[in-house]
Amino acid sequence: EAALHQKNQILVKLYNRRAVDADAIFDYFMSYADRLKPMV
């Protein structure tokens, strides 16, 4: 959420792109969590 606070401003206002949804990014990372943990 902290990272996207600034980045969404850049994507939307500077580059005319859609804002990125924080929940979608969170779900993206957590979808790999179980498989990643044994490697860390």
Full PDB file with SEQRES, HELIX, SHEET, SSBOND, CRYST1, ORIGX, SCALE, CONECT and MASTER records, all heavy atoms in Angstrom:
SEQRES   1 A   40  GLU ALA ALA LEU HIS GLN LYS ASN GLN ILE LEU VAL LYS          
SEQRES   2 A   40  LEU TYR ASN ARG ARG ALA VAL ASP ALA ASP ALA ILE PHE          
SEQRES   3 A   40  ASP TYR PHE MET SER TYR ALA ASP ARG LEU LYS PRO MET          
SEQRES   4 A   40  VAL                                                          
HELIX    1 AA1 ALA A    2  GLN A    9  1                                   8    
HELIX    2 AA2 ILE A   10  LEU A   14  3                                   5    
HELIX    3 AA3 ALA A   22  MET A   30  1                                   9    
HELIX    4 AA4 ALA A   33  LEU A   36  1                                   4    
HELIX    5 AA5 LYS A   37  MET A   39  5                                   3    
CRYST1    1.000    1.000    1.000  90.00  90.00  90.00 P 1           1          
ORIGX1      1.000000  0.000000  0.000000        0.00000                         
ORIGX2      0.000000  1.000000  0.000000        0.00000                         
ORIGX3      0.000000  0.000000  1.000000        0.00000                         
SCALE1      1.000000  0.000000  0.000000        0.00000                         
SCALE2      0.000000  1.000000  0.000000        0.00000                         
SCALE3      0.000000  0.000000  1.000000        0.00000                         
ATOM      1  N   GLU A   1       0.829  -1.206   0.000  1.00  0.00           N  
ATOM      2  CA  GLU A   1       0.000   0.000   0.000  1.00  0.00           C  
ATOM      3  C   GLU A   1       0.866   1.260   0.000  1.00  0.00           C  
ATOM      4  O   GLU A   1       0.561   2.238  -0.696  1.00  0.00           O  
ATOM      5  CB  GLU A   1      -0.940  -0.019   1.207  1.00  0.00           C  
ATOM      6  CG  GLU A   1      -2.053  -1.057   1.082  1.00  0.00           C  
ATOM      7  CD  GLU A   1      -2.899  -1.182   2.337  1.00  0.00           C  
ATOM      8  OE1 GLU A   1      -2.508  -0.579   3.388  1.00  0.00           O  
ATOM      9  OE2 GLU A   1      -3.929  -1.900   2.298  1.00  0.00           O  
ATOM     10  N   ALA A   2       1.952   1.240   0.769  1.00  0.00           N  
ATOM     11  CA  ALA A   2       2.848   2.404   0.823  1.00  0.00           C  
ATOM     12  C   ALA A   2       3.515   2.641  -0.527  1.00  0.00           C  
ATOM     13  O   ALA A   2       3.637   3.781  -0.985  1.00  0.00           O  
ATOM     14  CB  ALA A   2       3.900   2.193   1.904  1.00  0.00           C  
ATOM     15  N   ALA A   3       3.953   1.555  -1.174  1.00  0.00           N  
ATOM     16  CA  ALA A   3       4.608   1.689  -2.475  1.00  0.00           C  
ATOM     17  C   ALA A   3       3.644   2.213  -3.530  1.00  0.00           C  
ATOM     18  O   ALA A   3       4.000   3.060  -4.354  1.00  0.00           O  
ATOM     19  CB  ALA A   3       5.193   0.343  -2.903  1.00  0.00           C  
ATOM     20  N   LEU A   4       2.409   1.712  -3.517  1.00  0.00           N  
ATOM     21  CA  LEU A   4       1.438   2.090  -4.543  1.00  0.00           C  
ATOM     22  C   LEU A   4       0.895   3.494  -4.351  1.00  0.00           C  
ATOM     23  O   LEU A   4       0.383   4.092  -5.307  1.00  0.00           O  
ATOM     24  CB  LEU A   4       0.288   1.085  -4.583  1.00  0.00           C  
ATOM     25  CG  LEU A   4       0.624  -0.270  -5.215  1.00  0.00           C  
ATOM     26  CD1 LEU A   4      -0.563  -1.216  -5.112  1.00  0.00           C  
ATOM     27  CD2 LEU A   4       1.030  -0.084  -6.668  1.00  0.00           C  
ATOM     28  N   HIS A   5       1.006   4.026  -3.150  1.00  0.00           N  
ATOM     29  CA  HIS A   5       0.535   5.391  -2.926  1.00  0.00           C  
ATOM     30  C   HIS A   5       1.204   6.361  -3.891  1.00  0.00           C  
ATOM     31  O   HIS A   5       0.555   7.236  -4.465  1.00  0.00           O  
ATOM     32  CB  HIS A   5       0.806   5.804  -1.481  1.00  0.00           C  
ATOM     33  CG  HIS A   5       0.324   7.190  -1.150  1.00  0.00           C  
ATOM     34  ND1 HIS A   5      -1.011   7.523  -1.050  1.00  0.00           N  
ATOM     35  CD2 HIS A   5       1.023   8.356  -0.958  1.00  0.00           C  
ATOM     36  CE1 HIS A   5      -1.127   8.818  -0.792  1.00  0.00           C  
ATOM     37  NE2 HIS A   5       0.097   9.339  -0.724  1.00  0.00           N  
ATOM     38  N   GLN A   6       2.503   6.188  -4.100  1.00  0.00           N  
ATOM     39  CA  GLN A   6       3.232   7.047  -5.033  1.00  0.00           C  
ATOM     40  C   GLN A   6       3.138   6.532  -6.471  1.00  0.00           C  
ATOM     41  O   GLN A   6       2.915   7.293  -7.406  1.00  0.00           O  
ATOM     42  CB  GLN A   6       4.695   7.144  -4.617  1.00  0.00           C  
ATOM     43  CG  GLN A   6       5.526   8.037  -5.563  1.00  0.00           C  
ATOM     44  CD  GLN A   6       7.004   7.788  -5.449  1.00  0.00           C  
ATOM     45  OE1 GLN A   6       7.434   6.637  -5.426  1.00  0.00           O  
ATOM     46  NE2 GLN A   6       7.776   8.854  -5.367  1.00  0.00           N  
ATOM     47  N   LYS A   7       3.286   5.222  -6.635  1.00  0.00           N  
ATOM     48  CA  LYS A   7       3.365   4.661  -7.985  1.00  0.00           C  
ATOM     49  C   LYS A   7       2.069   4.827  -8.765  1.00  0.00           C  
ATOM     50  O   LYS A   7       2.087   5.032  -9.986  1.00  0.00           O  
ATOM     51  CB  LYS A   7       3.788   3.203  -7.899  1.00  0.00           C  
ATOM     52  CG  LYS A   7       5.269   3.047  -7.538  1.00  0.00           C  
ATOM     53  CD  LYS A   7       5.691   1.657  -7.405  1.00  0.00           C  
ATOM     54  CE  LYS A   7       7.195   1.576  -7.200  1.00  0.00           C  
ATOM     55  NZ  LYS A   7       7.673   2.412  -6.088  1.00  0.00           N  
ATOM     56  N   ASN A   8       0.948   4.735  -8.097  1.00  0.00           N  
ATOM     57  CA  ASN A   8      -0.316   4.939  -8.800  1.00  0.00           C  
ATOM     58  C   ASN A   8      -0.465   6.376  -9.277  1.00  0.00           C  
ATOM     59  O   ASN A   8      -1.073   6.619 -10.325  1.00  0.00           O  
ATOM     60  CB  ASN A   8      -1.490   4.535  -7.907  1.00  0.00           C  
ATOM     61  CG  ASN A   8      -1.786   3.043  -7.999  1.00  0.00           C  
ATOM     62  OD1 ASN A   8      -1.463   2.402  -8.998  1.00  0.00           O  
ATOM     63  ND2 ASN A   8      -2.411   2.498  -6.967  1.00  0.00           N  
ATOM     64  N   GLN A   9       0.078   7.307  -8.511  1.00  0.00           N  
ATOM     65  CA  GLN A   9       0.070   8.698  -8.960  1.00  0.00           C  
ATOM     66  C   GLN A   9       0.844   8.847 -10.273  1.00  0.00           C  
ATOM     67  O   GLN A   9       0.416   9.528 -11.199  1.00  0.00           O  
ATOM     68  CB  GLN A   9       0.709   9.599  -7.885  1.00  0.00           C  
ATOM     69  CG  GLN A   9      -0.008   9.629  -6.545  1.00  0.00           C  
ATOM     70  CD  GLN A   9      -1.316  10.375  -6.592  1.00  0.00           C  
ATOM     71  OE1 GLN A   9      -1.475  11.365  -7.306  1.00  0.00           O  
ATOM     72  NE2 GLN A   9      -2.303   9.882  -5.876  1.00  0.00           N  
ATOM     73  N   ILE A  10       1.999   8.172 -10.335  1.00  0.00           N  
ATOM     74  CA  ILE A  10       2.836   8.239 -11.535  1.00  0.00           C  
ATOM     75  C   ILE A  10       2.150   7.564 -12.720  1.00  0.00           C  
ATOM     76  O   ILE A  10       2.080   8.114 -13.819  1.00  0.00           O  
ATOM     77  CB  ILE A  10       4.206   7.595 -11.259  1.00  0.00           C  
ATOM     78  CG1 ILE A  10       4.962   8.401 -10.200  1.00  0.00           C  
ATOM     79  CG2 ILE A  10       5.023   7.477 -12.539  1.00  0.00           C  
ATOM     80  CD1 ILE A  10       6.223   7.720  -9.691  1.00  0.00           C  
ATOM     81  N   LEU A  11       1.620   6.357 -12.485  1.00  0.00           N  
ATOM     82  CA  LEU A  11       0.990   5.606 -13.571  1.00  0.00           C  
ATOM     83  C   LEU A  11      -0.236   6.323 -14.130  1.00  0.00           C  
ATOM     84  O   LEU A  11      -0.433   6.390 -15.347  1.00  0.00           O  
ATOM     85  CB  LEU A  11       0.599   4.211 -13.079  1.00  0.00           C  
ATOM     86  CG  LEU A  11       1.735   3.198 -12.922  1.00  0.00           C  
ATOM     87  CD1 LEU A  11       1.272   1.978 -12.130  1.00  0.00           C  
ATOM     88  CD2 LEU A  11       2.272   2.771 -14.284  1.00  0.00           C  
ATOM     89  N   VAL A  12      -1.062   6.871 -13.247  1.00  0.00           N  
ATOM     90  CA  VAL A  12      -2.323   7.484 -13.677  1.00  0.00           C  
ATOM     91  C   VAL A  12      -2.107   8.884 -14.237  1.00  0.00           C  
ATOM     92  O   VAL A  12      -2.561   9.210 -15.343  1.00  0.00           O  
ATOM     93  CB  VAL A  12      -3.332   7.517 -12.501  1.00  0.00           C  
ATOM     94  CG1 VAL A  12      -4.592   8.286 -12.915  1.00  0.00           C  
ATOM     95  CG2 VAL A  12      -3.691   6.100 -12.073  1.00  0.00           C  
ATOM     96  N   LYS A  13      -1.415   9.725 -13.472  1.00  0.00           N  
ATOM     97  CA  LYS A  13      -1.321  11.139 -13.831  1.00  0.00           C  
ATOM     98  C   LYS A  13      -0.221  11.453 -14.841  1.00  0.00           C  
ATOM     99  O   LYS A  13      -0.339  12.400 -15.615  1.00  0.00           O  
ATOM    100  CB  LYS A  13      -1.134  11.976 -12.560  1.00  0.00           C  
ATOM    101  CG  LYS A  13      -2.341  11.897 -11.618  1.00  0.00           C  
ATOM    102  CD  LYS A  13      -2.155  12.745 -10.380  1.00  0.00           C  
ATOM    103  CE  LYS A  13      -3.392  12.669  -9.491  1.00  0.00           C  
ATOM    104  NZ  LYS A  13      -3.221  13.460  -8.248  1.00  0.00           N  
ATOM    105  N   LEU A  14       0.850  10.675 -14.814  1.00  0.00           N  
ATOM    106  CA  LEU A  14       1.956  10.949 -15.733  1.00  0.00           C  
ATOM    107  C   LEU A  14       1.856  10.123 -17.009  1.00  0.00           C  
ATOM    108  O   LEU A  14       2.051  10.636 -18.114  1.00  0.00           O  
ATOM    109  CB  LEU A  14       3.295  10.685 -15.029  1.00  0.00           C  
ATOM    110  CG  LEU A  14       4.577  11.011 -15.816  1.00  0.00           C  
ATOM    111  CD1 LEU A  14       4.603  12.480 -16.192  1.00  0.00           C  
ATOM    112  CD2 LEU A  14       5.815  10.655 -14.981  1.00  0.00           C  
ATOM    113  N   TYR A  15       1.528   8.835 -16.853  1.00  0.00           N  
ATOM    114  CA  TYR A  15       1.546   7.942 -18.003  1.00  0.00           C  
ATOM    115  C   TYR A  15       0.159   7.525 -18.493  1.00  0.00           C  
ATOM    116  O   TYR A  15       0.055   6.727 -19.437  1.00  0.00           O  
ATOM    117  CB  TYR A  15       2.366   6.691 -17.680  1.00  0.00           C  
ATOM    118  CG  TYR A  15       3.835   6.989 -17.445  1.00  0.00           C  
ATOM    119  CD1 TYR A  15       4.448   6.671 -16.237  1.00  0.00           C  
ATOM    120  CD2 TYR A  15       4.605   7.589 -18.428  1.00  0.00           C  
ATOM    121  CE1 TYR A  15       5.785   6.935 -16.024  1.00  0.00           C  
ATOM    122  CE2 TYR A  15       5.952   7.858 -18.226  1.00  0.00           C  
ATOM    123  CZ  TYR A  15       6.534   7.531 -17.015  1.00  0.00           C  
ATOM    124  OH  TYR A  15       7.866   7.795 -16.810  1.00  0.00           O  
ATOM    125  N   ASN A  16      -0.878   8.045 -17.855  1.00  0.00           N  
ATOM    126  CA  ASN A  16      -2.257   7.767 -18.288  1.00  0.00           C  
ATOM    127  C   ASN A  16      -2.563   6.273 -18.306  1.00  0.00           C  
ATOM    128  O   ASN A  16      -3.187   5.759 -19.218  1.00  0.00           O  
ATOM    129  CB  ASN A  16      -2.522   8.393 -19.668  1.00  0.00           C  
ATOM    130  CG  ASN A  16      -4.011   8.493 -19.998  1.00  0.00           C  
ATOM    131  OD1 ASN A  16      -4.846   8.641 -19.097  1.00  0.00           O  
ATOM    132  ND2 ASN A  16      -4.358   8.396 -21.274  1.00  0.00           N  
ATOM    133  N   ARG A  17      -2.107   5.587 -17.268  1.00  0.00           N  
ATOM    134  CA  ARG A  17      -2.381   4.161 -17.110  1.00  0.00           C  
ATOM    135  C   ARG A  17      -3.323   3.933 -15.935  1.00  0.00           C  
ATOM    136  O   ARG A  17      -3.529   4.816 -15.119  1.00  0.00           O  
ATOM    137  CB  ARG A  17      -1.068   3.380 -16.891  1.00  0.00           C  
ATOM    138  CG  ARG A  17      -0.099   3.406 -18.056  1.00  0.00           C  
ATOM    139  CD  ARG A  17      -0.682   2.738 -19.296  1.00  0.00           C  
ATOM    140  NE  ARG A  17       0.284   2.589 -20.383  1.00  0.00           N  
ATOM    141  CZ  ARG A  17       0.532   3.490 -21.312  1.00  0.00           C  
ATOM    142  NH1 ARG A  17      -0.141   4.648 -21.289  1.00  0.00           N  
ATOM    143  NH2 ARG A  17       1.426   3.261 -22.263  1.00  0.00           N  
ATOM    144  N   ARG A  18      -3.885   2.744 -15.863  1.00  0.00           N  
ATOM    145  CA  ARG A  18      -4.789   2.412 -14.763  1.00  0.00           C  
ATOM    146  C   ARG A  18      -4.029   2.284 -13.448  1.00  0.00           C  
ATOM    147  O   ARG A  18      -2.880   1.841 -13.424  1.00  0.00           O  
ATOM    148  CB  ARG A  18      -5.514   1.100 -15.033  1.00  0.00           C  
ATOM    149  CG  ARG A  18      -6.550   1.168 -16.120  1.00  0.00           C  
ATOM    150  CD  ARG A  18      -7.209  -0.194 -16.266  1.00  0.00           C  
ATOM    151  NE  ARG A  18      -8.141  -0.222 -17.375  1.00  0.00           N  
ATOM    152  CZ  ARG A  18      -8.612  -1.314 -17.931  1.00  0.00           C  
ATOM    153  NH1 ARG A  18      -8.231  -2.479 -17.457  1.00  0.00           N  
ATOM    154  NH2 ARG A  18      -9.469  -1.258 -18.947  1.00  0.00           N  
ATOM    155  N   ALA A  19      -4.700   2.642 -12.353  1.00  0.00           N  
ATOM    156  CA  ALA A  19      -4.119   2.445 -11.029  1.00  0.00           C  
ATOM    157  C   ALA A  19      -4.036   0.948 -10.729  1.00  0.00           C  
ATOM    158  O   ALA A  19      -4.867   0.154 -11.175  1.00  0.00           O  
ATOM    159  CB  ALA A  19      -4.968   3.148  -9.969  1.00  0.00           C  
ATOM    160  N   VAL A  20      -3.031   0.564  -9.971  1.00  0.00           N  
ATOM    161  CA  VAL A  20      -2.828  -0.837  -9.589  1.00  0.00           C  
ATOM    162  C   VAL A  20      -3.543  -1.090  -8.270  1.00  0.00           C  
ATOM    163  O   VAL A  20      -3.444  -0.300  -7.322  1.00  0.00           O  
ATOM    164  CB  VAL A  20      -1.324  -1.141  -9.453  1.00  0.00           C  
ATOM    165  CG1 VAL A  20      -1.110  -2.575  -8.971  1.00  0.00           C  
ATOM    166  CG2 VAL A  20      -0.613  -0.909 -10.785  1.00  0.00           C  
ATOM    167  N   ASP A  21      -4.276  -2.188  -8.203  1.00  0.00           N  
ATOM    168  CA  ASP A  21      -5.025  -2.538  -7.013  1.00  0.00           C  
ATOM    169  C   ASP A  21      -4.125  -3.241  -5.997  1.00  0.00           C  
ATOM    170  O   ASP A  21      -3.513  -4.267  -6.295  1.00  0.00           O  
ATOM    171  CB  ASP A  21      -6.203  -3.443  -7.387  1.00  0.00           C  
ATOM    172  CG  ASP A  21      -7.040  -3.835  -6.183  1.00  0.00           C  
ATOM    173  OD1 ASP A  21      -7.607  -2.937  -5.536  1.00  0.00           O  
ATOM    174  OD2 ASP A  21      -7.101  -5.046  -5.888  1.00  0.00           O  
ATOM    175  N   ALA A  22      -4.052  -2.703  -4.781  1.00  0.00           N  
ATOM    176  CA  ALA A  22      -3.174  -3.252  -3.751  1.00  0.00           C  
ATOM    177  C   ALA A  22      -3.560  -4.679  -3.376  1.00  0.00           C  
ATOM    178  O   ALA A  22      -2.701  -5.533  -3.137  1.00  0.00           O  
ATOM    179  CB  ALA A  22      -3.190  -2.355  -2.515  1.00  0.00           C  
ATOM    180  N   ASP A  23      -4.863  -4.957  -3.311  1.00  0.00           N  
ATOM    181  CA  ASP A  23      -5.312  -6.309  -2.961  1.00  0.00           C  
ATOM    182  C   ASP A  23      -4.868  -7.335  -3.999  1.00  0.00           C  
ATOM    183  O   ASP A  23      -4.481  -8.460  -3.656  1.00  0.00           O  
ATOM    184  CB  ASP A  23      -6.843  -6.341  -2.821  1.00  0.00           C  
ATOM    185  CG  ASP A  23      -7.339  -5.609  -1.576  1.00  0.00           C  
ATOM    186  OD1 ASP A  23      -6.548  -5.463  -0.622  1.00  0.00           O  
ATOM    187  OD2 ASP A  23      -8.512  -5.191  -1.568  1.00  0.00           O  
ATOM    188  N   ALA A  24      -4.916  -6.935  -5.261  1.00  0.00           N  
ATOM    189  CA  ALA A  24      -4.500  -7.840  -6.334  1.00  0.00           C  
ATOM    190  C   ALA A  24      -3.012  -8.171  -6.219  1.00  0.00           C  
ATOM    191  O   ALA A  24      -2.597  -9.322  -6.442  1.00  0.00           O  
ATOM    192  CB  ALA A  24      -4.804  -7.217  -7.694  1.00  0.00           C  
ATOM    193  N   ILE A  25      -2.196  -7.166  -5.870  1.00  0.00           N  
ATOM    194  CA  ILE A  25      -0.759  -7.393  -5.705  1.00  0.00           C  
ATOM    195  C   ILE A  25      -0.501  -8.298  -4.498  1.00  0.00           C  
ATOM    196  O   ILE A  25       0.315  -9.221  -4.549  1.00  0.00           O  
ATOM    197  CB  ILE A  25      -0.009  -6.055  -5.552  1.00  0.00           C  
ATOM    198  CG1 ILE A  25      -0.199  -5.193  -6.807  1.00  0.00           C  
ATOM    199  CG2 ILE A  25       1.470  -6.302  -5.280  1.00  0.00           C  
ATOM    200  CD1 ILE A  25       0.360  -5.778  -8.082  1.00  0.00           C  
ATOM    201  N   PHE A  26      -1.211  -8.044  -3.407  1.00  0.00           N  
ATOM    202  CA  PHE A  26      -1.073  -8.877  -2.217  1.00  0.00           C  
ATOM    203  C   PHE A  26      -1.416 -10.334  -2.531  1.00  0.00           C  
ATOM    204  O   PHE A  26      -0.681 -11.258  -2.169  1.00  0.00           O  
ATOM    205  CB  PHE A  26      -1.974  -8.345  -1.100  1.00  0.00           C  
ATOM    206  CG  PHE A  26      -1.969  -9.188   0.143  1.00  0.00           C  
ATOM    207  CD1 PHE A  26      -0.958  -9.070   1.076  1.00  0.00           C  
ATOM    208  CD2 PHE A  26      -2.988 -10.113   0.380  1.00  0.00           C  
ATOM    209  CE1 PHE A  26      -0.951  -9.865   2.227  1.00  0.00           C  
ATOM    210  CE2 PHE A  26      -2.992 -10.903   1.523  1.00  0.00           C  
ATOM    211  CZ  PHE A  26      -1.965 -10.771   2.443  1.00  0.00           C  
ATOM    212  N   ASP A  27      -2.529 -10.538  -3.213  1.00  0.00           N  
ATOM    213  CA  ASP A  27      -2.948 -11.902  -3.578  1.00  0.00           C  
ATOM    214  C   ASP A  27      -1.938 -12.566  -4.502  1.00  0.00           C  
ATOM    215  O   ASP A  27      -1.702 -13.775  -4.415  1.00  0.00           O  
ATOM    216  CB  ASP A  27      -4.325 -11.861  -4.244  1.00  0.00           C  
ATOM    217  CG  ASP A  27      -5.443 -11.465  -3.278  1.00  0.00           C  
ATOM    218  OD1 ASP A  27      -5.228 -11.540  -2.042  1.00  0.00           O  
ATOM    219  OD2 ASP A  27      -6.535 -11.057  -3.764  1.00  0.00           O  
ATOM    220  N   TYR A  28      -1.340 -11.765  -5.398  1.00  0.00           N  
ATOM    221  CA  TYR A  28      -0.320 -12.286  -6.320  1.00  0.00           C  
ATOM    222  C   TYR A  28       0.837 -12.894  -5.523  1.00  0.00           C  
ATOM    223  O   TYR A  28       1.252 -14.034  -5.780  1.00  0.00           O  
ATOM    224  CB  TYR A  28       0.177 -11.163  -7.225  1.00  0.00           C  
ATOM    225  CG  TYR A  28       1.460 -11.480  -7.974  1.00  0.00           C  
ATOM    226  CD1 TYR A  28       1.441 -12.195  -9.164  1.00  0.00           C  
ATOM    227  CD2 TYR A  28       2.702 -11.047  -7.484  1.00  0.00           C  
ATOM    228  CE1 TYR A  28       2.616 -12.482  -9.852  1.00  0.00           C  
ATOM    229  CE2 TYR A  28       3.881 -11.320  -8.159  1.00  0.00           C  
ATOM    230  CZ  TYR A  28       3.827 -12.043  -9.337  1.00  0.00           C  
ATOM    231  OH  TYR A  28       4.996 -12.332 -10.007  1.00  0.00           O  
ATOM    232  N   PHE A  29       1.362 -12.151  -4.564  1.00  0.00           N  
ATOM    233  CA  PHE A  29       2.497 -12.650  -3.795  1.00  0.00           C  
ATOM    234  C   PHE A  29       2.108 -13.831  -2.905  1.00  0.00           C  
ATOM    235  O   PHE A  29       2.825 -14.826  -2.819  1.00  0.00           O  
ATOM    236  CB  PHE A  29       3.103 -11.535  -2.945  1.00  0.00           C  
ATOM    237  CG  PHE A  29       3.969 -10.587  -3.731  1.00  0.00           C  
ATOM    238  CD1 PHE A  29       3.626  -9.252  -3.871  1.00  0.00           C  
ATOM    239  CD2 PHE A  29       5.126 -11.030  -4.350  1.00  0.00           C  
ATOM    240  CE1 PHE A  29       4.414  -8.391  -4.609  1.00  0.00           C  
ATOM    241  CE2 PHE A  29       5.928 -10.172  -5.090  1.00  0.00           C  
ATOM    242  CZ  PHE A  29       5.565  -8.853  -5.212  1.00  0.00           C  
ATOM    243  N   MET A  30       0.967 -13.744  -2.255  1.00  0.00           N  
ATOM    244  CA  MET A  30       0.577 -14.814  -1.341  1.00  0.00           C  
ATOM    245  C   MET A  30       0.264 -16.114  -2.065  1.00  0.00           C  
ATOM    246  O   MET A  30       0.343 -17.191  -1.481  1.00  0.00           O  
ATOM    247  CB  MET A  30      -0.621 -14.375  -0.490  1.00  0.00           C  
ATOM    248  CG  MET A  30      -0.315 -13.237   0.484  1.00  0.00           C  
ATOM    249  SD  MET A  30       1.169 -13.508   1.500  1.00  0.00           S  
ATOM    250  CE  MET A  30       0.727 -14.999   2.375  1.00  0.00           C  
ATOM    251  N   SER A  31      -0.055 -16.030  -3.354  1.00  0.00           N  
ATOM    252  CA  SER A  31      -0.328 -17.249  -4.118  1.00  0.00           C  
ATOM    253  C   SER A  31       0.915 -18.126  -4.252  1.00  0.00           C  
ATOM    254  O   SER A  31       0.816 -19.321  -4.547  1.00  0.00           O  
ATOM    255  CB  SER A  31      -0.884 -16.901  -5.506  1.00  0.00           C  
ATOM    256  OG  SER A  31       0.120 -16.314  -6.332  1.00  0.00           O  
ATOM    257  N   TYR A  32       2.091 -17.537  -4.049  1.00  0.00           N  
ATOM    258  CA  TYR A  32       3.343 -18.284  -4.149  1.00  0.00           C  
ATOM    259  C   TYR A  32       3.935 -18.615  -2.779  1.00  0.00           C  
ATOM    260  O   TYR A  32       4.952 -19.302  -2.690  1.00  0.00           O  
ATOM    261  CB  TYR A  32       4.375 -17.479  -4.946  1.00  0.00           C  
ATOM    262  CG  TYR A  32       3.984 -17.216  -6.378  1.00  0.00           C  
ATOM    263  CD1 TYR A  32       3.563 -15.956  -6.774  1.00  0.00           C  
ATOM    264  CD2 TYR A  32       4.031 -18.232  -7.320  1.00  0.00           C  
ATOM    265  CE1 TYR A  32       3.199 -15.708  -8.089  1.00  0.00           C  
ATOM    266  CE2 TYR A  32       3.672 -17.999  -8.640  1.00  0.00           C  
ATOM    267  CZ  TYR A  32       3.257 -16.732  -9.013  1.00  0.00           C  
ATOM    268  OH  TYR A  32       2.890 -16.488 -10.322  1.00  0.00           O  
ATOM    269  N   ALA A  33       3.318 -18.129  -1.705  1.00  0.00           N  
ATOM    270  CA  ALA A  33       3.927 -18.192  -0.380  1.00  0.00           C  
ATOM    271  C   ALA A  33       4.236 -19.621   0.065  1.00  0.00           C  
ATOM    272  O   ALA A  33       5.343 -19.925   0.521  1.00  0.00           O  
ATOM    273  CB  ALA A  33       3.029 -17.505   0.650  1.00  0.00           C  
ATOM    274  N   ASP A  34       3.273 -20.511  -0.036  1.00  0.00           N  
ATOM    275  CA  ASP A  34       3.458 -21.874   0.459  1.00  0.00           C  
ATOM    276  C   ASP A  34       4.580 -22.597  -0.273  1.00  0.00           C  
ATOM    277  O   ASP A  34       5.340 -23.363   0.328  1.00  0.00           O  
ATOM    278  CB  ASP A  34       2.153 -22.665   0.333  1.00  0.00           C  
ATOM    279  CG  ASP A  34       1.093 -22.189   1.317  1.00  0.00           C  
ATOM    280  OD1 ASP A  34       1.444 -21.503   2.305  1.00  0.00           O  
ATOM    281  OD2 ASP A  34      -0.105 -22.483   1.092  1.00  0.00           O  
ATOM    282  N   ARG A  35       4.671 -22.367  -1.558  1.00  0.00           N  
ATOM    283  CA  ARG A  35       5.706 -23.035  -2.336  1.00  0.00           C  
ATOM    284  C   ARG A  35       7.082 -22.413  -2.090  1.00  0.00           C  
ATOM    285  O   ARG A  35       8.101 -23.094  -2.135  1.00  0.00           O  
ATOM    286  CB  ARG A  35       5.362 -22.970  -3.825  1.00  0.00           C  
ATOM    287  CG  ARG A  35       6.185 -23.911  -4.678  1.00  0.00           C  
ATOM    288  CD  ARG A  35       5.712 -23.936  -6.122  1.00  0.00           C  
ATOM    289  NE  ARG A  35       6.559 -24.825  -6.916  1.00  0.00           N  
ATOM    290  CZ  ARG A  35       6.504 -24.932  -8.231  1.00  0.00           C  
ATOM    291  NH1 ARG A  35       5.588 -24.227  -8.914  1.00  0.00           N  
ATOM    292  NH2 ARG A  35       7.322 -25.757  -8.872  1.00  0.00           N  
ATOM    293  N   LEU A  36       7.112 -21.117  -1.798  1.00  0.00           N  
ATOM    294  CA  LEU A  36       8.372 -20.406  -1.614  1.00  0.00           C  
ATOM    295  C   LEU A  36       9.004 -20.668  -0.246  1.00  0.00           C  
ATOM    296  O   LEU A  36      10.233 -20.803  -0.134  1.00  0.00           O  
ATOM    297  CB  LEU A  36       8.142 -18.901  -1.789  1.00  0.00           C  
ATOM    298  CG  LEU A  36       9.358 -17.972  -1.635  1.00  0.00           C  
ATOM    299  CD1 LEU A  36      10.375 -18.234  -2.749  1.00  0.00           C  
ATOM    300  CD2 LEU A  36       8.920 -16.502  -1.661  1.00  0.00           C  
ATOM    301  N   LYS A  37       8.179 -20.750   0.799  1.00  0.00           N  
ATOM    302  CA  LYS A  37       8.690 -20.781   2.177  1.00  0.00           C  
ATOM    303  C   LYS A  37       9.753 -21.849   2.434  1.00  0.00           C  
ATOM    304  O   LYS A  37      10.772 -21.576   3.080  1.00  0.00           O  
ATOM    305  CB  LYS A  37       7.526 -20.945   3.155  1.00  0.00           C  
ATOM    306  CG  LYS A  37       6.739 -19.648   3.375  1.00  0.00           C  
ATOM    307  CD  LYS A  37       5.569 -19.851   4.319  1.00  0.00           C  
ATOM    308  CE  LYS A  37       4.795 -18.547   4.495  1.00  0.00           C  
ATOM    309  NZ  LYS A  37       3.609 -18.704   5.367  1.00  0.00           N  
ATOM    310  N   PRO A  38       9.603 -23.086   1.954  1.00  0.00           N  
ATOM    311  CA  PRO A  38      10.639 -24.097   2.239  1.00  0.00           C  
ATOM    312  C   PRO A  38      12.003 -23.783   1.625  1.00  0.00           C  
ATOM    313  O   PRO A  38      13.018 -24.354   2.038  1.00  0.00           O  
ATOM    314  CB  PRO A  38      10.053 -25.376   1.623  1.00  0.00           C  
ATOM    315  CG  PRO A  38       8.591 -25.113   1.462  1.00  0.00           C  
ATOM    316  CD  PRO A  38       8.462 -23.658   1.211  1.00  0.00           C  
ATOM    317  N   MET A  39      12.039 -22.893   0.637  1.00  0.00           N  
ATOM    318  CA  MET A  39      13.291 -22.570  -0.048  1.00  0.00           C  
ATOM    319  C   MET A  39      14.085 -21.470   0.653  1.00  0.00           C  
ATOM    320  O   MET A  39      15.272 -21.307   0.396  1.00  0.00           O  
ATOM    321  CB  MET A  39      13.009 -22.082  -1.480  1.00  0.00           C  
ATOM    322  CG  MET A  39      12.251 -23.045  -2.356  1.00  0.00           C  
ATOM    323  SD  MET A  39      11.973 -22.277  -3.977  1.00  0.00           S  
ATOM    324  CE  MET A  39      11.067 -23.581  -4.817  1.00  0.00           C  
ATOM    325  N   VAL A  40      13.430 -20.707   1.531  1.00  0.00           N  
ATOM    326  CA  VAL A  40      14.011 -19.473   2.046  1.00  0.00           C  
ATOM    327  C   VAL A  40      14.993 -19.753   3.178  1.00  0.00           C  
ATOM    328  O   VAL A  40      14.689 -20.498   4.120  1.00  0.00           O  
ATOM    329  CB  VAL A  40      12.906 -18.504   2.510  1.00  0.00           C  
ATOM    330  CG1 VAL A  40      13.522 -17.216   3.049  1.00  0.00           C  
ATOM    331  CG2 VAL A  40      11.970 -18.190   1.341  1.00  0.00           C  
TER     332      VAL A  40                                                      
MASTER        0    0    0    5    0    0    0    6  331    1    0    4          
END                                                                             
